[in-house]
């Protein structure tokens, strides 16, 4: 693989004790009793070296070919980082009560976009850990490169798929036009950046990415 390649990968991600925390295989998820009906289980589309996966996995993919399977160990530094003691903070319980919330140990909370897990509640104070739950842990990935995609239109569809967009009409020319549902501005910016940086049309960078958004009349409830 090379940086910028568009591929689909299957993987099983585990902790050192064998506990699975992420995977793309539905049958295995059901077998291990960790199936989540809200998750779509299938090989995921990524651009190698573009930060779609953790750094350690990205680095290993550069050493692999299509159809190859590999088991790799990834250090915390190349995974979700080391734990930062400064991200464990004590918050007055009153803050939760002001928001009509009763804090409990293990509860996931959100402070201005930062998610944390409550470690303890005592003496009017709540201890919250804002570290990623996987920070400081060595990870084991069983990964397989299923497919490499070269056609520009298929690459664009893979970028859209990564953001959960499965219905779009794509028109290629000097510019790229994408007709789809209404999307948030930040998502359109991320999609445009990935396309312009990683996809060429007849050997040239496309000029622009244009979004044409479609609207449908909502059915009124009786």
N, C-alpha and C. Protein backbone atom coordinates (compact mmCIF):
# COMPACT_ATOMS: atom_id res chain seq x y z
N UNK A 1 0.82 -1.19 0.00
CA UNK A 1 0.00 0.00 0.00
C UNK A 1 0.87 1.26 0.00
N UNK A 2 0.31 2.35 -0.50
CA UNK A 2 0.97 3.64 -0.47
C UNK A 2 0.06 4.67 0.17
N UNK A 3 0.67 5.73 0.69
CA UNK A 3 -0.13 6.81 1.25
C UNK A 3 -1.05 7.36 0.16
N UNK A 4 -2.33 7.53 0.52
CA UNK A 4 -3.31 8.02 -0.44
C UNK A 4 -4.11 6.94 -1.13
N UNK A 5 -3.76 5.66 -0.93
CA UNK A 5 -4.54 4.56 -1.51
C UNK A 5 -5.91 4.48 -0.84
N UNK A 6 -6.92 4.18 -1.66
CA UNK A 6 -8.28 3.99 -1.17
C UNK A 6 -8.52 2.49 -1.04
N UNK A 7 -8.77 2.02 0.19
CA UNK A 7 -8.94 0.59 0.42
C UNK A 7 -10.12 0.34 1.37
N UNK A 8 -10.54 -0.90 1.38
CA UNK A 8 -11.51 -1.37 2.39
C UNK A 8 -10.80 -2.39 3.26
N UNK A 9 -11.02 -2.27 4.57
CA UNK A 9 -10.38 -3.22 5.49
C UNK A 9 -11.41 -3.85 6.43
N UNK A 10 -11.13 -5.08 6.79
CA UNK A 10 -11.84 -5.77 7.86
C UNK A 10 -10.90 -5.82 9.05
N UNK A 11 -11.42 -5.71 10.25
CA UNK A 11 -10.53 -5.83 11.41
C UNK A 11 -11.29 -6.26 12.66
N UNK A 12 -10.52 -6.81 13.59
CA UNK A 12 -10.99 -7.07 14.95
C UNK A 12 -9.99 -6.39 15.86
N UNK A 13 -10.47 -5.51 16.74
CA UNK A 13 -9.59 -4.77 17.65
C UNK A 13 -9.81 -5.27 19.07
N UNK A 14 -8.68 -5.60 19.75
CA UNK A 14 -8.76 -6.17 21.09
C UNK A 14 -7.81 -5.45 22.05
N UNK A 15 -8.10 -5.62 23.34
CA UNK A 15 -7.16 -5.24 24.38
C UNK A 15 -6.22 -6.42 24.61
N UNK A 16 -5.19 -6.21 25.42
CA UNK A 16 -4.21 -7.28 25.68
C UNK A 16 -4.86 -8.50 26.33
N UNK A 17 -5.95 -8.29 27.09
CA UNK A 17 -6.61 -9.41 27.76
C UNK A 17 -7.57 -10.17 26.83
N UNK A 18 -7.62 -9.77 25.56
CA UNK A 18 -8.47 -10.45 24.59
C UNK A 18 -9.85 -9.83 24.42
N UNK A 19 -10.19 -8.85 25.25
CA UNK A 19 -11.50 -8.21 25.15
C UNK A 19 -11.62 -7.42 23.85
N UNK A 20 -12.66 -7.71 23.07
CA UNK A 20 -12.88 -6.99 21.81
C UNK A 20 -13.59 -5.67 22.09
N UNK A 21 -13.11 -4.60 21.44
CA UNK A 21 -13.79 -3.32 21.61
C UNK A 21 -14.27 -2.73 20.29
N UNK A 22 -13.88 -3.35 19.17
CA UNK A 22 -14.34 -2.88 17.86
C UNK A 22 -14.10 -3.97 16.84
N UNK A 23 -15.03 -4.11 15.88
CA UNK A 23 -14.86 -5.10 14.83
C UNK A 23 -15.82 -4.81 13.69
N UNK A 24 -15.55 -5.42 12.53
CA UNK A 24 -16.38 -5.19 11.34
C UNK A 24 -17.18 -6.43 10.94
N UNK A 25 -17.03 -7.52 11.66
CA UNK A 25 -17.66 -8.80 11.32
C UNK A 25 -18.93 -9.01 12.15
N UNK A 26 -20.08 -8.98 11.50
CA UNK A 26 -21.35 -9.12 12.22
C UNK A 26 -21.49 -10.49 12.88
N UNK A 27 -21.12 -11.56 12.17
CA UNK A 27 -21.25 -12.90 12.74
C UNK A 27 -20.41 -13.06 14.00
N UNK A 28 -19.21 -12.52 13.96
CA UNK A 28 -18.34 -12.61 15.13
C UNK A 28 -18.90 -11.78 16.28
N UNK A 29 -19.46 -10.62 15.96
CA UNK A 29 -20.06 -9.77 16.99
C UNK A 29 -21.20 -10.50 17.69
N UNK A 30 -22.01 -11.19 16.91
CA UNK A 30 -23.12 -11.97 17.49
C UNK A 30 -22.59 -13.13 18.33
N UNK A 31 -21.57 -13.80 17.81
CA UNK A 31 -21.00 -14.95 18.51
C UNK A 31 -20.42 -14.53 19.86
N UNK A 32 -19.80 -13.33 19.91
CA UNK A 32 -19.16 -12.85 21.13
C UNK A 32 -20.12 -12.06 22.02
N UNK A 33 -21.39 -12.02 21.61
CA UNK A 33 -22.43 -11.30 22.37
C UNK A 33 -22.12 -9.81 22.56
N UNK A 34 -21.52 -9.21 21.52
CA UNK A 34 -21.27 -7.77 21.57
C UNK A 34 -21.92 -7.07 20.37
N UNK A 35 -22.89 -7.75 19.74
CA UNK A 35 -23.58 -7.18 18.58
C UNK A 35 -24.37 -5.94 18.98
N UNK A 36 -24.25 -4.91 18.17
CA UNK A 36 -24.99 -3.66 18.38
C UNK A 36 -25.85 -3.39 17.15
N UNK A 37 -27.17 -3.42 17.28
CA UNK A 37 -28.05 -3.24 16.11
C UNK A 37 -27.91 -1.87 15.46
N UNK A 38 -27.31 -0.91 16.16
CA UNK A 38 -27.14 0.43 15.59
C UNK A 38 -25.88 0.53 14.72
N UNK A 39 -25.06 -0.52 14.74
CA UNK A 39 -23.80 -0.52 13.99
C UNK A 39 -23.98 -1.29 12.69
N UNK A 40 -23.41 -0.76 11.60
CA UNK A 40 -23.38 -1.46 10.32
C UNK A 40 -22.05 -2.21 10.22
N UNK A 41 -22.12 -3.52 10.17
CA UNK A 41 -20.91 -4.34 10.15
C UNK A 41 -20.53 -4.68 8.70
N UNK A 42 -19.42 -4.14 8.25
CA UNK A 42 -18.91 -4.43 6.91
C UNK A 42 -17.51 -3.83 6.80
N UNK A 43 -16.73 -4.25 5.79
CA UNK A 43 -15.40 -3.66 5.61
C UNK A 43 -15.50 -2.14 5.50
N UNK A 44 -14.64 -1.43 6.20
CA UNK A 44 -14.75 0.03 6.21
C UNK A 44 -13.85 0.66 5.15
N UNK A 45 -14.31 1.76 4.53
CA UNK A 45 -13.49 2.45 3.55
C UNK A 45 -12.54 3.43 4.23
N UNK A 46 -11.28 3.43 3.83
CA UNK A 46 -10.33 4.39 4.38
C UNK A 46 -9.38 4.86 3.29
N UNK A 47 -8.76 6.00 3.54
CA UNK A 47 -7.65 6.47 2.72
C UNK A 47 -6.39 6.25 3.55
N UNK A 48 -5.48 5.44 3.06
CA UNK A 48 -4.27 5.11 3.82
C UNK A 48 -3.46 6.39 4.08
N UNK A 49 -3.09 6.58 5.35
CA UNK A 49 -2.27 7.72 5.71
C UNK A 49 -3.02 9.03 5.88
N UNK A 50 -4.34 8.99 5.82
CA UNK A 50 -5.13 10.22 5.92
C UNK A 50 -5.80 10.37 7.29
N UNK A 51 -5.43 9.53 8.24
CA UNK A 51 -5.97 9.66 9.58
C UNK A 51 -7.34 9.04 9.78
N UNK A 52 -7.75 8.14 8.88
CA UNK A 52 -9.03 7.46 9.04
C UNK A 52 -8.98 6.45 10.17
N UNK A 53 -7.78 5.94 10.46
CA UNK A 53 -7.59 4.98 11.55
C UNK A 53 -6.45 5.49 12.43
N UNK A 54 -6.23 4.83 13.56
CA UNK A 54 -5.18 5.28 14.48
C UNK A 54 -3.80 5.17 13.80
N UNK A 55 -2.82 6.01 14.22
CA UNK A 55 -1.52 6.07 13.54
C UNK A 55 -0.80 4.73 13.40
N UNK A 56 -0.83 3.90 14.44
CA UNK A 56 -0.13 2.61 14.39
C UNK A 56 -0.70 1.69 13.33
N UNK A 57 -2.02 1.70 13.17
CA UNK A 57 -2.66 0.86 12.15
C UNK A 57 -2.37 1.41 10.76
N UNK A 58 -2.43 2.74 10.63
CA UNK A 58 -2.09 3.38 9.35
C UNK A 58 -0.68 2.96 8.90
N UNK A 59 0.26 2.96 9.84
CA UNK A 59 1.65 2.63 9.53
C UNK A 59 1.77 1.18 9.05
N UNK A 60 1.03 0.27 9.69
CA UNK A 60 1.10 -1.14 9.31
C UNK A 60 0.45 -1.39 7.95
N UNK A 61 -0.59 -0.63 7.62
CA UNK A 61 -1.25 -0.81 6.32
C UNK A 61 -0.31 -0.49 5.17
N UNK A 62 0.63 0.42 5.39
CA UNK A 62 1.60 0.76 4.35
C UNK A 62 2.49 -0.42 3.99
N UNK A 63 2.56 -1.42 4.89
CA UNK A 63 3.41 -2.58 4.65
C UNK A 63 2.62 -3.76 4.06
N UNK A 64 1.32 -3.57 3.83
CA UNK A 64 0.45 -4.68 3.42
C UNK A 64 0.00 -4.54 1.98
N UNK A 65 -0.51 -5.67 1.45
CA UNK A 65 -1.08 -5.68 0.11
C UNK A 65 -2.51 -6.17 0.14
N UNK A 66 -3.21 -6.05 -0.98
CA UNK A 66 -4.60 -6.49 -1.07
C UNK A 66 -4.69 -8.00 -0.82
N UNK A 67 -5.61 -8.40 0.03
CA UNK A 67 -5.79 -9.81 0.36
C UNK A 67 -4.94 -10.28 1.52
N UNK A 68 -4.04 -9.44 2.00
CA UNK A 68 -3.15 -9.83 3.09
C UNK A 68 -3.82 -9.64 4.45
N UNK A 69 -3.57 -10.60 5.35
CA UNK A 69 -4.06 -10.52 6.73
C UNK A 69 -2.87 -10.40 7.67
N UNK A 70 -3.08 -9.71 8.77
CA UNK A 70 -1.97 -9.48 9.67
C UNK A 70 -2.48 -9.21 11.08
N UNK A 71 -1.74 -9.64 12.09
CA UNK A 71 -2.04 -9.29 13.48
C UNK A 71 -0.93 -8.38 13.97
N UNK A 72 -1.32 -7.20 14.47
CA UNK A 72 -0.31 -6.21 14.87
C UNK A 72 -0.60 -5.71 16.28
N UNK A 73 0.48 -5.43 17.01
CA UNK A 73 0.36 -4.81 18.32
C UNK A 73 0.67 -3.32 18.18
N UNK A 74 -0.17 -2.50 18.81
CA UNK A 74 -0.02 -1.05 18.68
C UNK A 74 0.15 -0.44 20.06
N UNK A 75 1.22 0.31 20.23
CA UNK A 75 1.51 0.94 21.52
C UNK A 75 0.54 2.08 21.78
N UNK A 76 0.39 2.48 23.05
CA UNK A 76 -0.48 3.62 23.37
C UNK A 76 -0.10 4.88 22.58
N UNK A 77 1.21 5.10 22.39
CA UNK A 77 1.67 6.30 21.68
C UNK A 77 1.16 6.34 20.24
N UNK A 78 0.97 5.16 19.62
CA UNK A 78 0.49 5.12 18.25
C UNK A 78 -0.97 4.68 18.18
N UNK A 79 -1.61 4.63 19.36
CA UNK A 79 -3.03 4.28 19.42
C UNK A 79 -3.84 5.50 19.83
N UNK A 80 -4.34 5.46 21.05
CA UNK A 80 -5.18 6.57 21.53
C UNK A 80 -4.43 7.45 22.52
N UNK A 81 -3.09 7.32 22.52
CA UNK A 81 -2.28 8.18 23.36
C UNK A 81 -2.15 7.67 24.78
N UNK A 82 -1.23 8.27 25.54
CA UNK A 82 -1.07 7.93 26.95
C UNK A 82 -2.10 8.69 27.78
N UNK A 83 -2.38 8.18 28.95
CA UNK A 83 -3.31 8.86 29.84
C UNK A 83 -2.70 10.17 30.34
N UNK A 84 -3.53 11.20 30.40
CA UNK A 84 -3.09 12.51 30.87
C UNK A 84 -3.77 12.80 32.20
N UNK A 85 -3.02 12.83 33.30
CA UNK A 85 -3.64 13.08 34.61
C UNK A 85 -4.34 14.43 34.69
N UNK A 86 -3.96 15.36 33.83
CA UNK A 86 -4.61 16.67 33.82
C UNK A 86 -6.03 16.62 33.26
N UNK A 87 -6.37 15.49 32.62
CA UNK A 87 -7.72 15.34 32.08
C UNK A 87 -8.67 14.66 33.07
N UNK A 88 -8.19 14.41 34.28
CA UNK A 88 -9.06 13.94 35.37
C UNK A 88 -9.36 15.15 36.25
N UNK A 89 -10.61 15.56 36.28
CA UNK A 89 -10.96 16.81 36.94
C UNK A 89 -12.08 16.61 37.96
N UNK A 90 -12.09 17.48 38.94
CA UNK A 90 -13.13 17.45 39.97
C UNK A 90 -14.11 18.60 39.67
N UNK A 91 -15.39 18.25 39.60
CA UNK A 91 -16.44 19.22 39.26
C UNK A 91 -17.42 19.29 40.42
N UNK A 92 -17.82 20.48 40.86
CA UNK A 92 -18.82 20.58 41.94
C UNK A 92 -20.13 19.91 41.53
N UNK A 93 -20.70 19.15 42.44
CA UNK A 93 -21.95 18.44 42.15
C UNK A 93 -23.06 19.42 41.77
N UNK A 94 -22.96 20.64 42.25
CA UNK A 94 -23.97 21.66 41.96
C UNK A 94 -24.11 21.91 40.46
N UNK A 95 -23.00 21.76 39.72
CA UNK A 95 -23.03 21.97 38.28
C UNK A 95 -24.03 21.01 37.62
N UNK A 96 -24.05 19.77 38.11
CA UNK A 96 -24.96 18.77 37.55
C UNK A 96 -26.41 19.08 37.96
N UNK A 97 -26.59 19.46 39.22
CA UNK A 97 -27.94 19.76 39.69
C UNK A 97 -28.53 20.95 38.96
N UNK A 98 -27.67 21.94 38.63
CA UNK A 98 -28.13 23.10 37.88
C UNK A 98 -28.63 22.70 36.49
N UNK A 99 -28.16 21.55 36.00
CA UNK A 99 -28.60 21.04 34.69
C UNK A 99 -29.57 19.87 34.84
N UNK A 100 -30.16 19.77 36.03
CA UNK A 100 -31.18 18.73 36.31
C UNK A 100 -30.65 17.33 36.06
N UNK A 101 -29.39 17.09 36.44
CA UNK A 101 -28.77 15.77 36.26
C UNK A 101 -28.26 15.26 37.59
N UNK A 102 -28.55 14.00 37.88
CA UNK A 102 -28.03 13.37 39.10
C UNK A 102 -26.81 12.54 38.71
N UNK A 103 -25.60 12.99 39.05
CA UNK A 103 -24.39 12.27 38.63
C UNK A 103 -24.27 10.90 39.28
N UNK A 104 -23.84 9.90 38.50
CA UNK A 104 -23.64 8.54 39.00
C UNK A 104 -22.31 8.03 38.48
N UNK A 105 -21.68 7.17 39.25
CA UNK A 105 -20.42 6.56 38.83
C UNK A 105 -20.63 5.79 37.52
N UNK A 106 -19.72 6.01 36.57
CA UNK A 106 -19.81 5.32 35.28
C UNK A 106 -20.58 6.09 34.23
N UNK A 107 -21.29 7.14 34.62
CA UNK A 107 -22.08 7.92 33.68
C UNK A 107 -21.16 8.68 32.71
N UNK A 108 -21.55 8.74 31.42
CA UNK A 108 -20.84 9.53 30.43
C UNK A 108 -21.45 10.92 30.40
N UNK A 109 -20.60 11.94 30.52
CA UNK A 109 -21.09 13.32 30.54
C UNK A 109 -20.39 14.12 29.45
N UNK A 110 -20.99 15.24 29.08
CA UNK A 110 -20.47 16.08 28.02
C UNK A 110 -20.34 17.51 28.52
N UNK A 111 -19.12 18.04 28.53
CA UNK A 111 -18.88 19.42 28.92
C UNK A 111 -18.31 20.17 27.72
N UNK A 112 -19.14 20.97 27.10
CA UNK A 112 -18.71 21.79 25.96
C UNK A 112 -18.01 20.95 24.89
N UNK A 113 -18.58 19.80 24.58
CA UNK A 113 -18.03 18.95 23.53
C UNK A 113 -16.99 17.95 24.01
N UNK A 114 -16.56 18.05 25.28
CA UNK A 114 -15.61 17.07 25.83
C UNK A 114 -16.37 16.00 26.60
N UNK A 115 -16.23 14.77 26.14
CA UNK A 115 -16.93 13.67 26.83
C UNK A 115 -16.02 13.08 27.90
N UNK A 116 -16.62 12.76 29.05
CA UNK A 116 -15.87 12.14 30.13
C UNK A 116 -16.71 11.12 30.87
N UNK A 117 -16.04 10.29 31.66
CA UNK A 117 -16.74 9.28 32.45
C UNK A 117 -16.58 9.61 33.93
N UNK A 118 -17.70 9.59 34.66
CA UNK A 118 -17.65 9.88 36.09
C UNK A 118 -17.00 8.73 36.83
N UNK A 119 -15.93 9.04 37.56
CA UNK A 119 -15.22 8.02 38.33
C UNK A 119 -15.81 7.85 39.73
N UNK A 120 -16.19 8.96 40.35
CA UNK A 120 -16.71 8.88 41.72
C UNK A 120 -17.54 10.12 42.03
N UNK A 121 -18.45 9.94 43.00
CA UNK A 121 -19.28 11.05 43.49
C UNK A 121 -19.22 11.01 45.01
N UNK A 122 -18.67 12.08 45.63
CA UNK A 122 -18.53 12.08 47.08
C UNK A 122 -18.36 13.51 47.59
N UNK A 123 -18.98 13.79 48.75
CA UNK A 123 -18.82 15.07 49.46
C UNK A 123 -19.09 16.28 48.56
N UNK A 124 -20.11 16.16 47.76
CA UNK A 124 -20.49 17.29 46.91
C UNK A 124 -19.56 17.52 45.73
N UNK A 125 -18.66 16.56 45.46
CA UNK A 125 -17.73 16.71 44.35
C UNK A 125 -17.82 15.48 43.44
N UNK A 126 -17.64 15.74 42.15
CA UNK A 126 -17.73 14.68 41.14
C UNK A 126 -16.39 14.60 40.40
N UNK A 127 -15.79 13.43 40.42
CA UNK A 127 -14.50 13.23 39.74
C UNK A 127 -14.78 12.67 38.35
N UNK A 128 -14.34 13.42 37.31
CA UNK A 128 -14.62 13.04 35.92
C UNK A 128 -13.32 12.82 35.16
N UNK A 129 -13.24 11.71 34.44
CA UNK A 129 -12.07 11.37 33.64
C UNK A 129 -12.38 11.67 32.17
N UNK A 130 -11.68 12.67 31.59
CA UNK A 130 -11.91 13.04 30.20
C UNK A 130 -10.93 12.36 29.25
N UNK A 131 -10.11 11.45 29.75
CA UNK A 131 -9.25 10.66 28.87
C UNK A 131 -10.08 9.71 28.02
N UNK A 132 -9.62 9.43 26.81
CA UNK A 132 -10.24 8.38 26.01
C UNK A 132 -10.15 7.07 26.80
N UNK A 133 -11.22 6.27 26.87
CA UNK A 133 -11.17 5.00 27.62
C UNK A 133 -10.05 4.07 27.18
N UNK A 134 -9.56 4.24 25.95
CA UNK A 134 -8.49 3.37 25.44
C UNK A 134 -7.11 4.01 25.57
N UNK A 135 -7.05 5.20 26.16
CA UNK A 135 -5.75 5.86 26.35
C UNK A 135 -4.88 5.04 27.30
N UNK A 136 -3.60 4.92 26.98
CA UNK A 136 -2.66 4.20 27.84
C UNK A 136 -2.68 2.70 27.66
N UNK A 137 -3.46 2.19 26.71
CA UNK A 137 -3.57 0.74 26.55
C UNK A 137 -2.89 0.28 25.27
N UNK A 138 -2.22 -0.90 25.35
CA UNK A 138 -1.69 -1.54 24.16
C UNK A 138 -2.85 -2.23 23.45
N UNK A 139 -2.90 -2.09 22.14
CA UNK A 139 -4.03 -2.63 21.37
C UNK A 139 -3.53 -3.69 20.39
N UNK A 140 -4.40 -4.64 20.10
CA UNK A 140 -4.08 -5.70 19.14
C UNK A 140 -5.13 -5.68 18.03
N UNK A 141 -4.67 -5.53 16.79
CA UNK A 141 -5.58 -5.50 15.64
C UNK A 141 -5.31 -6.70 14.74
N UNK A 142 -6.36 -7.41 14.41
CA UNK A 142 -6.30 -8.42 13.35
C UNK A 142 -6.94 -7.77 12.13
N UNK A 143 -6.13 -7.45 11.12
CA UNK A 143 -6.61 -6.64 10.00
C UNK A 143 -6.39 -7.35 8.67
N UNK A 144 -7.32 -7.15 7.76
CA UNK A 144 -7.21 -7.70 6.40
C UNK A 144 -7.57 -6.61 5.40
N UNK A 145 -6.73 -6.44 4.38
CA UNK A 145 -7.03 -5.51 3.29
C UNK A 145 -7.89 -6.24 2.27
N UNK A 146 -9.14 -5.84 2.15
CA UNK A 146 -10.10 -6.57 1.32
C UNK A 146 -10.08 -6.12 -0.15
N UNK A 147 -9.84 -4.81 -0.35
CA UNK A 147 -10.01 -4.28 -1.71
C UNK A 147 -9.27 -2.94 -1.83
N UNK A 148 -8.76 -2.68 -3.03
CA UNK A 148 -8.19 -1.37 -3.35
C UNK A 148 -8.98 -0.80 -4.50
N UNK A 149 -9.34 0.48 -4.41
CA UNK A 149 -10.18 1.14 -5.42
C UNK A 149 -9.36 2.19 -6.14
N UNK A 150 -9.49 2.21 -7.48
CA UNK A 150 -8.72 3.16 -8.29
C UNK A 150 -9.60 4.15 -9.06
N UNK A 151 -10.85 3.81 -9.36
CA UNK A 151 -11.71 4.68 -10.15
C UNK A 151 -12.14 5.90 -9.35
N UNK A 152 -12.01 7.12 -9.90
CA UNK A 152 -12.34 8.35 -9.17
C UNK A 152 -13.75 8.37 -8.59
N UNK A 153 -14.74 7.94 -9.36
CA UNK A 153 -16.12 7.99 -8.86
C UNK A 153 -16.30 7.07 -7.66
N UNK A 154 -15.69 5.89 -7.72
CA UNK A 154 -15.78 4.95 -6.59
C UNK A 154 -15.06 5.50 -5.37
N UNK A 155 -13.94 6.21 -5.60
CA UNK A 155 -13.23 6.83 -4.49
C UNK A 155 -14.10 7.87 -3.80
N UNK A 156 -14.78 8.69 -4.59
CA UNK A 156 -15.67 9.71 -4.02
C UNK A 156 -16.77 9.05 -3.20
N UNK A 157 -17.34 7.98 -3.73
CA UNK A 157 -18.39 7.27 -3.00
C UNK A 157 -17.86 6.70 -1.69
N UNK A 158 -16.59 6.28 -1.67
CA UNK A 158 -16.00 5.76 -0.43
C UNK A 158 -15.86 6.87 0.61
N UNK A 159 -15.47 8.06 0.17
CA UNK A 159 -15.36 9.19 1.10
C UNK A 159 -16.74 9.49 1.68
N UNK A 160 -17.76 9.53 0.83
CA UNK A 160 -19.12 9.80 1.29
C UNK A 160 -19.59 8.71 2.25
N UNK A 161 -19.27 7.46 1.92
CA UNK A 161 -19.68 6.33 2.77
C UNK A 161 -19.07 6.43 4.16
N UNK A 162 -17.81 6.90 4.22
CA UNK A 162 -17.15 7.05 5.52
C UNK A 162 -17.94 8.00 6.42
N UNK A 163 -18.60 8.98 5.82
CA UNK A 163 -19.39 9.93 6.59
C UNK A 163 -20.86 9.53 6.67
N UNK A 164 -21.17 8.28 6.32
CA UNK A 164 -22.53 7.76 6.46
C UNK A 164 -23.48 8.18 5.36
N UNK A 165 -22.95 8.61 4.21
CA UNK A 165 -23.80 9.04 3.10
C UNK A 165 -23.80 7.95 2.04
N UNK A 166 -24.93 7.27 1.89
CA UNK A 166 -24.98 6.15 0.95
C UNK A 166 -25.78 6.45 -0.31
N UNK A 167 -26.40 7.64 -0.37
CA UNK A 167 -27.17 8.01 -1.56
C UNK A 167 -26.67 9.35 -2.07
N UNK A 168 -26.08 9.33 -3.25
CA UNK A 168 -25.57 10.56 -3.85
C UNK A 168 -25.37 10.33 -5.34
N UNK A 169 -25.63 11.37 -6.12
CA UNK A 169 -25.35 11.33 -7.56
C UNK A 169 -24.09 12.14 -7.80
N UNK A 170 -23.14 11.55 -8.49
CA UNK A 170 -21.84 12.19 -8.69
C UNK A 170 -21.64 12.49 -10.17
N UNK A 171 -21.24 13.72 -10.47
CA UNK A 171 -20.96 14.12 -11.84
C UNK A 171 -19.52 14.64 -11.91
N UNK A 172 -18.74 14.03 -12.81
CA UNK A 172 -17.33 14.38 -12.94
C UNK A 172 -17.10 15.26 -14.16
N UNK A 173 -16.35 16.31 -13.96
CA UNK A 173 -15.98 17.21 -15.05
C UNK A 173 -14.76 17.98 -14.60
N UNK A 174 -14.66 19.23 -15.03
CA UNK A 174 -13.57 20.06 -14.51
C UNK A 174 -13.71 20.21 -13.00
N UNK A 175 -14.98 20.31 -12.56
CA UNK A 175 -15.31 20.29 -11.14
C UNK A 175 -16.04 18.99 -10.83
N UNK A 176 -16.17 18.69 -9.55
CA UNK A 176 -16.93 17.52 -9.11
C UNK A 176 -18.23 18.00 -8.48
N UNK A 177 -19.34 17.50 -8.97
CA UNK A 177 -20.65 17.85 -8.42
C UNK A 177 -21.22 16.64 -7.67
N UNK A 178 -21.69 16.89 -6.47
CA UNK A 178 -22.27 15.83 -5.64
C UNK A 178 -23.68 16.25 -5.28
N UNK A 179 -24.64 15.51 -5.77
CA UNK A 179 -26.05 15.79 -5.45
C UNK A 179 -26.48 14.83 -4.35
N UNK A 180 -26.84 15.40 -3.21
CA UNK A 180 -27.16 14.56 -2.05
C UNK A 180 -28.11 15.31 -1.13
N UNK A 181 -28.36 14.74 0.03
CA UNK A 181 -29.21 15.38 1.02
C UNK A 181 -28.48 16.58 1.64
N UNK A 182 -29.19 17.41 2.36
CA UNK A 182 -28.57 18.55 3.02
C UNK A 182 -27.60 18.06 4.08
N UNK A 183 -26.39 18.65 4.08
CA UNK A 183 -25.35 18.24 5.01
C UNK A 183 -24.86 19.44 5.81
N UNK A 184 -24.39 19.21 7.05
CA UNK A 184 -23.80 20.30 7.83
C UNK A 184 -22.57 20.88 7.11
N UNK A 185 -22.31 22.16 7.32
CA UNK A 185 -21.20 22.84 6.64
C UNK A 185 -19.86 22.17 6.95
N UNK A 186 -19.63 21.80 8.23
CA UNK A 186 -18.33 21.21 8.58
C UNK A 186 -18.12 19.87 7.89
N UNK A 187 -19.18 19.09 7.69
CA UNK A 187 -19.05 17.81 6.99
C UNK A 187 -18.72 18.04 5.52
N UNK A 188 -19.37 19.02 4.90
CA UNK A 188 -19.08 19.33 3.50
C UNK A 188 -17.63 19.78 3.33
N UNK A 189 -17.14 20.54 4.29
CA UNK A 189 -15.75 20.99 4.21
C UNK A 189 -14.78 19.83 4.32
N UNK A 190 -15.06 18.88 5.24
CA UNK A 190 -14.18 17.72 5.40
C UNK A 190 -14.18 16.84 4.14
N UNK A 191 -15.39 16.61 3.59
CA UNK A 191 -15.51 15.80 2.38
C UNK A 191 -14.76 16.45 1.23
N UNK A 192 -14.96 17.76 1.05
CA UNK A 192 -14.31 18.49 -0.04
C UNK A 192 -12.79 18.42 0.08
N UNK A 193 -12.29 18.62 1.30
CA UNK A 193 -10.84 18.59 1.53
C UNK A 193 -10.26 17.23 1.17
N UNK A 194 -10.91 16.15 1.60
CA UNK A 194 -10.40 14.80 1.32
C UNK A 194 -10.41 14.51 -0.17
N UNK A 195 -11.46 14.94 -0.86
CA UNK A 195 -11.55 14.70 -2.31
C UNK A 195 -10.48 15.49 -3.05
N UNK A 196 -10.35 16.78 -2.75
CA UNK A 196 -9.40 17.63 -3.47
C UNK A 196 -7.95 17.23 -3.22
N UNK A 197 -7.66 16.71 -2.02
CA UNK A 197 -6.29 16.34 -1.68
C UNK A 197 -5.90 14.94 -2.17
N UNK A 198 -6.90 14.07 -2.40
CA UNK A 198 -6.57 12.66 -2.63
C UNK A 198 -7.07 12.07 -3.94
N UNK A 199 -7.83 12.84 -4.73
CA UNK A 199 -8.41 12.28 -5.95
C UNK A 199 -8.02 13.14 -7.15
N UNK A 200 -7.57 12.49 -8.21
CA UNK A 200 -7.25 13.19 -9.45
C UNK A 200 -8.18 12.72 -10.56
N UNK A 201 -8.50 13.63 -11.48
CA UNK A 201 -9.31 13.31 -12.65
C UNK A 201 -8.43 13.46 -13.88
N UNK A 202 -8.17 12.33 -14.55
CA UNK A 202 -7.29 12.31 -15.72
C UNK A 202 -5.93 12.93 -15.40
N UNK A 203 -5.44 12.59 -14.21
CA UNK A 203 -4.12 13.04 -13.80
C UNK A 203 -4.05 14.44 -13.24
N UNK A 204 -5.19 15.12 -13.15
CA UNK A 204 -5.21 16.49 -12.64
C UNK A 204 -6.06 16.61 -11.39
N UNK A 205 -5.67 17.56 -10.53
CA UNK A 205 -6.50 17.83 -9.36
C UNK A 205 -7.79 18.49 -9.83
N UNK A 206 -8.95 18.08 -9.30
CA UNK A 206 -10.20 18.75 -9.67
C UNK A 206 -10.20 20.19 -9.20
N UNK A 207 -10.94 21.05 -9.92
CA UNK A 207 -10.96 22.46 -9.55
C UNK A 207 -11.74 22.72 -8.27
N UNK A 208 -12.97 22.23 -8.23
CA UNK A 208 -13.83 22.49 -7.08
C UNK A 208 -14.72 21.28 -6.80
N UNK A 209 -15.24 21.23 -5.59
CA UNK A 209 -16.29 20.27 -5.25
C UNK A 209 -17.55 21.08 -4.98
N UNK A 210 -18.60 20.78 -5.74
CA UNK A 210 -19.86 21.50 -5.59
C UNK A 210 -20.92 20.56 -5.03
N UNK A 211 -21.63 21.00 -4.02
CA UNK A 211 -22.72 20.22 -3.44
C UNK A 211 -24.05 20.77 -3.94
N UNK A 212 -24.86 19.88 -4.48
CA UNK A 212 -26.22 20.24 -4.88
C UNK A 212 -27.15 19.49 -3.95
N UNK A 213 -27.83 20.22 -3.08
CA UNK A 213 -28.63 19.59 -2.04
C UNK A 213 -30.09 19.49 -2.45
N UNK A 214 -30.65 18.32 -2.21
CA UNK A 214 -32.04 18.07 -2.56
C UNK A 214 -32.91 18.11 -1.30
N UNK A 215 -34.12 18.59 -1.47
CA UNK A 215 -35.08 18.69 -0.37
C UNK A 215 -36.35 17.96 -0.76
N UNK A 216 -36.91 17.27 0.18
CA UNK A 216 -38.17 16.58 -0.06
C UNK A 216 -39.24 17.07 0.91
N UNK A 217 -40.44 17.16 0.42
CA UNK A 217 -41.55 17.60 1.27
C UNK A 217 -41.84 16.54 2.31
N UNK A 218 -41.87 16.97 3.57
CA UNK A 218 -42.17 16.02 4.64
C UNK A 218 -43.68 15.77 4.71
N UNK A 219 -44.01 14.50 4.89
CA UNK A 219 -45.43 14.16 5.00
C UNK A 219 -45.98 14.66 6.32
N UNK A 220 -47.10 15.33 6.24
CA UNK A 220 -47.73 15.85 7.46
C UNK A 220 -48.38 14.70 8.23
N UNK A 221 -48.25 14.77 9.56
CA UNK A 221 -48.85 13.72 10.39
C UNK A 221 -50.33 13.96 10.54
N UNK A 222 -51.07 12.87 10.42
CA UNK A 222 -52.53 12.99 10.56
C UNK A 222 -52.90 13.29 11.99
